[in-house]
Amino acid sequence: MKKLILFVAAFLSLSLSSASLAADEHAHEKKKEPVIKSEVKEVQGELVYLGKNFISLVYERDANTGAEKEIRIDLDPGNVTLEHLRSLQQLNTGDTIYVQYIDETRDYGNTKKNTIRAAVIRFISPVSVNSIYKKKDKQPSEEESLSLKGVKSDE
């Protein structure tokens, strides 16, 4: 009987240790380091939005259909080189800018993660007269110019 108990105990311990080894091997496969591919790219276009952590610009516009191609680029204000600018606050919607960015792809085998991060932002020119972002001079409309209020009387 003792031999049977010892045999069962030895069998269980071997089974558990082989299962834990298989689990460790499987966990090691999951923690596989990603393959990182990084490219430096550039784009020039009209500034659409300047946020706290990203910048967005239109780099192509079809005049016939009105279709636009827009790119959103992550932004770390402390790690971006500014050219022809003192600060990002000098930029206005519609300004033409050039952005050099790092396009990084992390390949985990079954999934890919892509990040686009600005490296250089160069001011090219202020908002053009033909831009849809150009602020129009405010023209008084008929409603604003006509007042329905009468003259105040002292009565």
N, C-alpha and C. Protein backbone atom coordinates (compact mmCIF):
# COMPACT_ATOMS: atom_id res chain seq x y z
N MET A 1 0.81 -1.17 0.00
CA MET A 1 0.00 0.00 0.00
C MET A 1 0.87 1.26 0.00
N LYS A 2 1.97 1.22 0.78
CA LYS A 2 2.87 2.35 0.83
C LYS A 2 3.46 2.61 -0.55
N LYS A 3 3.77 1.53 -1.27
CA LYS A 3 4.34 1.68 -2.60
C LYS A 3 3.36 2.36 -3.54
N LEU A 4 2.09 2.02 -3.42
CA LEU A 4 1.05 2.61 -4.27
C LEU A 4 0.91 4.11 -3.97
N ILE A 5 0.93 4.47 -2.70
CA ILE A 5 0.81 5.88 -2.31
C ILE A 5 2.03 6.65 -2.80
N LEU A 6 3.21 6.09 -2.66
CA LEU A 6 4.43 6.73 -3.13
C LEU A 6 4.40 6.88 -4.66
N PHE A 7 3.91 5.86 -5.34
CA PHE A 7 3.83 5.91 -6.79
C PHE A 7 2.87 7.02 -7.25
N VAL A 8 1.71 7.11 -6.60
CA VAL A 8 0.71 8.13 -6.95
C VAL A 8 1.27 9.52 -6.65
N ALA A 9 1.94 9.67 -5.52
CA ALA A 9 2.51 10.97 -5.15
C ALA A 9 3.59 11.38 -6.15
N ALA A 10 4.45 10.43 -6.54
CA ALA A 10 5.49 10.73 -7.52
C ALA A 10 4.89 11.09 -8.87
N PHE A 11 3.85 10.36 -9.26
CA PHE A 11 3.18 10.63 -10.53
C PHE A 11 2.55 12.03 -10.54
N LEU A 12 1.89 12.38 -9.45
CA LEU A 12 1.25 13.70 -9.35
C LEU A 12 2.29 14.82 -9.37
N SER A 13 3.40 14.63 -8.66
CA SER A 13 4.42 15.68 -8.64
C SER A 13 5.05 15.85 -10.01
N LEU A 14 5.28 14.76 -10.74
CA LEU A 14 5.82 14.87 -12.10
C LEU A 14 4.83 15.55 -13.02
N SER A 15 3.55 15.23 -12.88
CA SER A 15 2.51 15.84 -13.72
C SER A 15 2.45 17.34 -13.47
N LEU A 16 2.47 17.72 -12.20
CA LEU A 16 2.39 19.14 -11.86
C LEU A 16 3.62 19.90 -12.33
N SER A 17 4.80 19.30 -12.17
CA SER A 17 6.01 20.00 -12.59
C SER A 17 6.07 20.13 -14.11
N SER A 18 5.63 19.13 -14.85
CA SER A 18 5.63 19.25 -16.31
C SER A 18 4.59 20.26 -16.78
N ALA A 19 3.45 20.35 -16.08
CA ALA A 19 2.44 21.34 -16.42
C ALA A 19 2.95 22.75 -16.16
N SER A 20 3.67 22.93 -15.05
CA SER A 20 4.20 24.27 -14.75
C SER A 20 5.30 24.65 -15.74
N LEU A 21 6.11 23.68 -16.18
CA LEU A 21 7.13 23.96 -17.20
C LEU A 21 6.48 24.36 -18.51
N ALA A 22 5.41 23.69 -18.88
CA ALA A 22 4.70 24.03 -20.11
C ALA A 22 4.08 25.43 -20.00
N ALA A 23 3.54 25.75 -18.82
CA ALA A 23 2.95 27.07 -18.62
C ALA A 23 4.02 28.15 -18.69
N ASP A 24 5.21 27.89 -18.10
CA ASP A 24 6.30 28.86 -18.16
C ASP A 24 6.76 29.07 -19.59
N GLU A 25 6.83 28.01 -20.36
CA GLU A 25 7.26 28.11 -21.76
C GLU A 25 6.24 28.91 -22.56
N HIS A 26 4.95 28.68 -22.30
CA HIS A 26 3.89 29.40 -22.99
C HIS A 26 3.93 30.89 -22.60
N ALA A 27 4.16 31.19 -21.32
CA ALA A 27 4.25 32.58 -20.86
C ALA A 27 5.45 33.26 -21.50
N HIS A 28 6.55 32.55 -21.66
CA HIS A 28 7.74 33.10 -22.29
C HIS A 28 7.46 33.47 -23.75
N GLU A 29 6.66 32.65 -24.43
CA GLU A 29 6.31 32.95 -25.81
C GLU A 29 5.46 34.21 -25.89
N LYS A 30 4.56 34.42 -24.92
CA LYS A 30 3.71 35.61 -24.93
C LYS A 30 4.51 36.88 -24.67
N LYS A 31 5.57 36.79 -23.87
CA LYS A 31 6.37 37.96 -23.54
C LYS A 31 7.43 38.24 -24.60
N LYS A 32 7.27 37.66 -25.74
CA LYS A 32 8.22 37.83 -26.83
C LYS A 32 8.38 39.31 -27.17
N GLU A 33 9.60 39.73 -27.33
CA GLU A 33 9.89 41.12 -27.67
C GLU A 33 9.37 41.44 -29.07
N PRO A 34 8.75 42.61 -29.24
CA PRO A 34 8.24 42.96 -30.56
C PRO A 34 9.37 43.32 -31.53
N VAL A 35 9.08 43.15 -32.80
CA VAL A 35 9.98 43.60 -33.85
C VAL A 35 9.61 45.06 -34.13
N ILE A 36 10.58 45.96 -33.94
CA ILE A 36 10.31 47.39 -34.09
C ILE A 36 10.90 47.89 -35.40
N LYS A 37 10.03 48.51 -36.20
CA LYS A 37 10.45 49.11 -37.46
C LYS A 37 10.16 50.61 -37.36
N SER A 38 11.19 51.42 -37.55
CA SER A 38 11.05 52.86 -37.39
C SER A 38 11.52 53.57 -38.66
N GLU A 39 10.70 54.51 -39.15
CA GLU A 39 11.04 55.28 -40.34
C GLU A 39 10.82 56.77 -40.06
N VAL A 40 11.68 57.60 -40.64
CA VAL A 40 11.51 59.04 -40.56
C VAL A 40 10.78 59.48 -41.83
N LYS A 41 9.66 60.16 -41.64
CA LYS A 41 8.85 60.62 -42.77
C LYS A 41 8.58 62.11 -42.60
N GLU A 42 8.02 62.72 -43.64
CA GLU A 42 7.72 64.15 -43.59
C GLU A 42 6.42 64.44 -44.32
N VAL A 43 5.78 65.53 -43.90
CA VAL A 43 4.53 65.95 -44.52
C VAL A 43 4.43 67.48 -44.39
N GLN A 44 3.80 68.10 -45.37
CA GLN A 44 3.56 69.54 -45.33
C GLN A 44 2.10 69.78 -45.62
N GLY A 45 1.48 70.68 -44.88
CA GLY A 45 0.07 70.96 -45.11
C GLY A 45 -0.42 72.08 -44.20
N GLU A 46 -1.77 72.23 -44.19
CA GLU A 46 -2.41 73.27 -43.38
C GLU A 46 -2.75 72.72 -42.00
N LEU A 47 -2.41 73.48 -40.99
CA LEU A 47 -2.72 73.10 -39.62
C LEU A 47 -4.23 73.12 -39.40
N VAL A 48 -4.76 72.00 -38.93
CA VAL A 48 -6.19 71.91 -38.66
C VAL A 48 -6.44 72.05 -37.17
N TYR A 49 -5.61 71.38 -36.36
CA TYR A 49 -5.81 71.41 -34.91
C TYR A 49 -4.48 71.21 -34.21
N LEU A 50 -4.27 71.99 -33.18
CA LEU A 50 -3.10 71.85 -32.33
C LEU A 50 -3.59 71.58 -30.92
N GLY A 51 -3.44 70.33 -30.49
CA GLY A 51 -3.89 69.95 -29.16
C GLY A 51 -2.72 69.88 -28.20
N LYS A 52 -3.01 69.45 -27.00
CA LYS A 52 -1.99 69.33 -25.97
C LYS A 52 -1.00 68.21 -26.31
N ASN A 53 -1.52 67.10 -26.88
CA ASN A 53 -0.67 65.93 -27.14
C ASN A 53 -0.60 65.52 -28.60
N PHE A 54 -1.25 66.26 -29.48
CA PHE A 54 -1.19 65.91 -30.91
C PHE A 54 -1.42 67.12 -31.78
N ILE A 55 -1.04 66.95 -33.04
CA ILE A 55 -1.22 67.99 -34.05
C ILE A 55 -1.89 67.32 -35.25
N SER A 56 -2.78 68.03 -35.91
CA SER A 56 -3.50 67.48 -37.05
C SER A 56 -3.39 68.46 -38.21
N LEU A 57 -3.07 67.92 -39.41
CA LEU A 57 -2.99 68.78 -40.57
C LEU A 57 -3.51 68.11 -41.82
N VAL A 58 -4.05 68.94 -42.72
CA VAL A 58 -4.54 68.48 -44.02
C VAL A 58 -3.39 68.62 -44.98
N TYR A 59 -3.00 67.51 -45.63
CA TYR A 59 -1.87 67.56 -46.55
C TYR A 59 -2.27 67.41 -48.00
N GLU A 60 -3.54 67.13 -48.25
CA GLU A 60 -4.02 67.04 -49.63
C GLU A 60 -5.50 67.36 -49.65
N ARG A 61 -5.91 68.17 -50.65
CA ARG A 61 -7.33 68.55 -50.77
C ARG A 61 -7.70 68.50 -52.24
N ASP A 62 -8.80 67.81 -52.56
CA ASP A 62 -9.31 67.74 -53.93
C ASP A 62 -10.30 68.89 -54.10
N ALA A 63 -9.97 69.86 -54.95
CA ALA A 63 -10.82 71.04 -55.15
C ALA A 63 -12.17 70.69 -55.75
N ASN A 64 -12.23 69.65 -56.57
CA ASN A 64 -13.50 69.28 -57.22
C ASN A 64 -14.47 68.62 -56.25
N THR A 65 -14.00 67.68 -55.47
CA THR A 65 -14.90 66.94 -54.58
C THR A 65 -14.89 67.47 -53.16
N GLY A 66 -13.86 68.22 -52.80
CA GLY A 66 -13.75 68.72 -51.43
C GLY A 66 -13.17 67.69 -50.47
N ALA A 67 -12.77 66.54 -51.00
CA ALA A 67 -12.20 65.49 -50.15
C ALA A 67 -10.83 65.92 -49.65
N GLU A 68 -10.55 65.60 -48.40
CA GLU A 68 -9.28 65.97 -47.79
C GLU A 68 -8.59 64.73 -47.23
N LYS A 69 -7.26 64.79 -47.22
CA LYS A 69 -6.47 63.77 -46.54
C LYS A 69 -5.83 64.46 -45.35
N GLU A 70 -6.07 63.89 -44.18
CA GLU A 70 -5.61 64.50 -42.95
C GLU A 70 -4.77 63.50 -42.17
N ILE A 71 -3.78 64.00 -41.44
CA ILE A 71 -2.94 63.14 -40.62
C ILE A 71 -2.91 63.69 -39.20
N ARG A 72 -2.96 62.77 -38.25
CA ARG A 72 -2.87 63.12 -36.83
C ARG A 72 -1.51 62.61 -36.35
N ILE A 73 -0.72 63.50 -35.74
CA ILE A 73 0.63 63.16 -35.30
C ILE A 73 0.74 63.45 -33.81
N ASP A 74 1.17 62.42 -33.05
CA ASP A 74 1.38 62.61 -31.61
C ASP A 74 2.45 63.66 -31.39
N LEU A 75 2.32 64.38 -30.28
CA LEU A 75 3.19 65.52 -30.03
C LEU A 75 3.63 65.52 -28.56
N ASP A 76 4.92 65.59 -28.35
CA ASP A 76 5.49 65.79 -27.02
C ASP A 76 6.21 67.13 -27.09
N PRO A 77 5.59 68.20 -26.60
CA PRO A 77 6.16 69.54 -26.77
C PRO A 77 7.60 69.67 -26.27
N GLY A 78 7.99 68.87 -25.31
CA GLY A 78 9.36 68.94 -24.79
C GLY A 78 10.38 68.25 -25.67
N ASN A 79 9.92 67.38 -26.58
CA ASN A 79 10.84 66.60 -27.41
C ASN A 79 10.65 66.85 -28.90
N VAL A 80 10.23 68.05 -29.26
CA VAL A 80 10.06 68.39 -30.67
C VAL A 80 10.91 69.62 -30.97
N THR A 81 11.58 69.61 -32.11
CA THR A 81 12.39 70.75 -32.53
C THR A 81 11.52 71.72 -33.32
N LEU A 82 11.53 72.98 -32.93
CA LEU A 82 10.75 74.01 -33.63
C LEU A 82 11.68 74.83 -34.51
N GLU A 83 11.26 75.03 -35.75
CA GLU A 83 12.03 75.85 -36.69
C GLU A 83 11.16 77.01 -37.14
N HIS A 84 11.70 78.20 -37.11
CA HIS A 84 11.00 79.45 -37.46
C HIS A 84 9.85 79.73 -36.49
N LEU A 85 9.96 79.19 -35.29
CA LEU A 85 8.97 79.39 -34.23
C LEU A 85 9.69 79.47 -32.90
N ARG A 86 9.10 80.24 -31.98
CA ARG A 86 9.63 80.24 -30.62
C ARG A 86 8.85 79.25 -29.75
N SER A 87 7.55 79.13 -30.04
CA SER A 87 6.72 78.20 -29.28
C SER A 87 5.56 77.73 -30.16
N LEU A 88 4.95 76.65 -29.75
CA LEU A 88 3.81 76.11 -30.50
C LEU A 88 2.60 77.05 -30.45
N GLN A 89 2.53 77.91 -29.43
CA GLN A 89 1.41 78.84 -29.31
C GLN A 89 1.39 79.88 -30.42
N GLN A 90 2.49 80.02 -31.16
CA GLN A 90 2.53 80.96 -32.28
C GLN A 90 1.78 80.42 -33.50
N LEU A 91 1.49 79.13 -33.52
CA LEU A 91 0.79 78.54 -34.66
C LEU A 91 -0.70 78.84 -34.60
N ASN A 92 -1.29 79.06 -35.77
CA ASN A 92 -2.73 79.30 -35.89
C ASN A 92 -3.32 78.30 -36.87
N THR A 93 -4.58 78.02 -36.70
CA THR A 93 -5.29 77.14 -37.62
C THR A 93 -5.19 77.72 -39.03
N GLY A 94 -4.79 76.88 -39.99
CA GLY A 94 -4.66 77.31 -41.37
C GLY A 94 -3.24 77.64 -41.78
N ASP A 95 -2.32 77.78 -40.81
CA ASP A 95 -0.92 78.03 -41.15
C ASP A 95 -0.36 76.83 -41.91
N THR A 96 0.52 77.10 -42.86
CA THR A 96 1.20 76.02 -43.57
C THR A 96 2.44 75.64 -42.77
N ILE A 97 2.54 74.35 -42.47
CA ILE A 97 3.67 73.87 -41.68
C ILE A 97 4.24 72.60 -42.31
N TYR A 98 5.48 72.35 -41.98
CA TYR A 98 6.18 71.13 -42.38
C TYR A 98 6.44 70.34 -41.11
N VAL A 99 6.15 69.04 -41.14
CA VAL A 99 6.38 68.19 -39.97
C VAL A 99 7.21 66.99 -40.38
N GLN A 100 8.32 66.81 -39.69
CA GLN A 100 9.12 65.59 -39.85
C GLN A 100 8.74 64.71 -38.66
N TYR A 101 8.35 63.45 -38.94
CA TYR A 101 7.87 62.60 -37.86
C TYR A 101 8.48 61.20 -37.95
N ILE A 102 8.39 60.49 -36.83
CA ILE A 102 8.89 59.12 -36.75
C ILE A 102 7.69 58.20 -36.75
N ASP A 103 7.63 57.34 -37.76
CA ASP A 103 6.57 56.36 -37.90
C ASP A 103 7.12 55.02 -37.39
N GLU A 104 6.63 54.59 -36.23
CA GLU A 104 7.16 53.39 -35.59
C GLU A 104 6.10 52.30 -35.55
N THR A 105 6.46 51.11 -36.03
CA THR A 105 5.56 49.96 -36.00
C THR A 105 6.16 48.89 -35.11
N ARG A 106 5.38 48.43 -34.14
CA ARG A 106 5.78 47.33 -33.26
C ARG A 106 4.98 46.10 -33.66
N ASP A 107 5.68 45.07 -34.10
CA ASP A 107 5.05 43.83 -34.56
C ASP A 107 5.22 42.77 -33.48
N TYR A 108 4.10 42.37 -32.87
CA TYR A 108 4.10 41.36 -31.82
C TYR A 108 3.81 39.97 -32.37
N GLY A 109 3.80 39.82 -33.67
CA GLY A 109 3.49 38.53 -34.29
C GLY A 109 2.04 38.48 -34.73
N ASN A 110 1.13 38.46 -33.77
CA ASN A 110 -0.29 38.40 -34.11
C ASN A 110 -0.94 39.78 -34.15
N THR A 111 -0.29 40.79 -33.60
CA THR A 111 -0.82 42.16 -33.65
C THR A 111 0.30 43.15 -33.97
N LYS A 112 -0.11 44.29 -34.50
CA LYS A 112 0.83 45.37 -34.79
C LYS A 112 0.31 46.65 -34.15
N LYS A 113 1.22 47.45 -33.63
CA LYS A 113 0.85 48.75 -33.05
C LYS A 113 1.68 49.82 -33.74
N ASN A 114 1.01 50.84 -34.26
CA ASN A 114 1.67 51.90 -35.00
C ASN A 114 1.57 53.21 -34.23
N THR A 115 2.69 53.92 -34.09
CA THR A 115 2.68 55.25 -33.47
C THR A 115 3.40 56.22 -34.40
N ILE A 116 2.85 57.42 -34.47
CA ILE A 116 3.43 58.49 -35.28
C ILE A 116 3.73 59.64 -34.34
N ARG A 117 5.01 60.04 -34.24
CA ARG A 117 5.46 61.02 -33.27
C ARG A 117 6.24 62.13 -33.96
N ALA A 118 5.87 63.38 -33.71
CA ALA A 118 6.54 64.54 -34.32
C ALA A 118 7.96 64.70 -33.79
N ALA A 119 8.89 64.99 -34.70
CA ALA A 119 10.28 65.25 -34.32
C ALA A 119 10.64 66.72 -34.60
N VAL A 120 10.18 67.24 -35.75
CA VAL A 120 10.48 68.62 -36.16
C VAL A 120 9.21 69.26 -36.69
N ILE A 121 8.94 70.48 -36.25
CA ILE A 121 7.82 71.27 -36.80
C ILE A 121 8.41 72.58 -37.30
N ARG A 122 8.19 72.85 -38.59
CA ARG A 122 8.73 74.06 -39.21
C ARG A 122 7.57 74.92 -39.72
N PHE A 123 7.56 76.18 -39.33
CA PHE A 123 6.57 77.13 -39.83
C PHE A 123 6.96 77.53 -41.24
N ILE A 124 6.02 77.40 -42.19
CA ILE A 124 6.28 77.77 -43.59
C ILE A 124 5.65 79.12 -43.91
N SER A 125 4.33 79.26 -43.69
CA SER A 125 3.67 80.52 -43.99
C SER A 125 2.37 80.64 -43.20
N PRO A 126 1.91 81.88 -42.98
CA PRO A 126 0.64 82.06 -42.27
C PRO A 126 -0.53 81.62 -43.14
N VAL A 127 -1.68 81.56 -42.53
CA VAL A 127 -2.89 81.14 -43.23
C VAL A 127 -3.06 81.95 -44.51
N SER A 128 -3.32 81.24 -45.63
CA SER A 128 -3.45 81.93 -46.92
C SER A 128 -4.85 82.52 -47.08
N VAL A 129 -4.96 83.46 -48.00
CA VAL A 129 -6.23 84.14 -48.25
C VAL A 129 -7.28 83.15 -48.73
N ASN A 130 -6.87 82.14 -49.50
CA ASN A 130 -7.80 81.17 -50.06
C ASN A 130 -8.14 80.02 -49.11
N SER A 131 -7.54 79.99 -47.97
CA SER A 131 -7.76 78.88 -47.04
C SER A 131 -9.16 78.91 -46.47
N ILE A 132 -9.70 77.72 -46.24
CA ILE A 132 -11.02 77.65 -45.60
C ILE A 132 -10.91 78.02 -44.12
N TYR A 133 -9.68 78.10 -43.61
CA TYR A 133 -9.46 78.43 -42.21
C TYR A 133 -9.24 79.93 -41.99
N LYS A 134 -9.19 80.70 -43.08
CA LYS A 134 -8.99 82.14 -42.97
C LYS A 134 -10.20 82.75 -42.27
N LYS A 135 -9.92 83.52 -41.23
CA LYS A 135 -11.01 84.18 -40.51
C LYS A 135 -11.54 85.31 -41.36
N LYS A 136 -12.82 85.29 -41.59
CA LYS A 136 -13.47 86.32 -42.40
C LYS A 136 -13.71 87.56 -41.54
N ASP A 137 -13.59 88.74 -42.19
CA ASP A 137 -13.94 89.97 -41.48
C ASP A 137 -15.43 89.94 -41.24
N LYS A 138 -15.83 90.26 -40.04
CA LYS A 138 -17.23 90.17 -39.69
C LYS A 138 -18.00 91.30 -40.37
N GLN A 139 -18.99 90.92 -41.18
CA GLN A 139 -19.85 91.88 -41.86
C GLN A 139 -21.16 91.94 -41.06
N PRO A 140 -21.61 93.14 -40.74
CA PRO A 140 -22.87 93.20 -40.00
C PRO A 140 -24.02 92.71 -40.88
N SER A 141 -24.78 91.82 -40.34
CA SER A 141 -25.93 91.32 -41.09
C SER A 141 -27.10 92.27 -40.89
N GLU A 142 -28.16 92.04 -41.65
CA GLU A 142 -29.33 92.92 -41.54
C GLU A 142 -29.91 92.87 -40.14
N GLU A 143 -29.87 91.66 -39.53
CA GLU A 143 -30.44 91.52 -38.20
C GLU A 143 -29.65 92.34 -37.19
N GLU A 144 -28.32 92.40 -37.35
CA GLU A 144 -27.51 93.15 -36.40
C GLU A 144 -27.64 94.65 -36.62
N SER A 145 -27.83 95.06 -37.86
CA SER A 145 -27.87 96.49 -38.13
C SER A 145 -29.24 97.10 -37.82
N LEU A 146 -30.29 96.31 -37.85
CA LEU A 146 -31.63 96.83 -37.53
C LEU A 146 -31.93 96.52 -36.07
N SER A 147 -32.29 97.52 -35.36
CA SER A 147 -32.62 97.34 -33.96
C SER A 147 -34.14 97.44 -33.80
N LEU A 148 -34.69 96.54 -33.08
CA LEU A 148 -36.12 96.57 -32.83
C LEU A 148 -36.45 97.36 -31.59
N LYS A 149 -35.44 97.81 -30.89
CA LYS A 149 -35.66 98.60 -29.68
C LYS A 149 -35.91 100.04 -30.07
N GLY A 150 -36.82 100.62 -29.42
CA GLY A 150 -37.13 102.01 -29.68
C GLY A 150 -36.23 102.93 -28.85
N VAL A 151 -36.46 104.21 -28.99
CA VAL A 151 -35.71 105.21 -28.25
C VAL A 151 -36.23 105.21 -26.82
N LYS A 152 -35.32 105.24 -25.87
CA LYS A 152 -35.73 105.25 -24.47
C LYS A 152 -36.32 106.60 -24.13
N SER A 153 -37.42 106.54 -23.46
CA SER A 153 -38.03 107.80 -23.04
C SER A 153 -37.93 107.91 -21.52
N ASP A 154 -38.08 109.13 -21.03
CA ASP A 154 -37.96 109.39 -19.59
C ASP A 154 -39.27 109.14 -18.85
N GLU A 155 -40.31 108.76 -19.51
CA GLU A 155 -41.62 108.60 -18.88
C GLU A 155 -41.64 107.48 -17.94
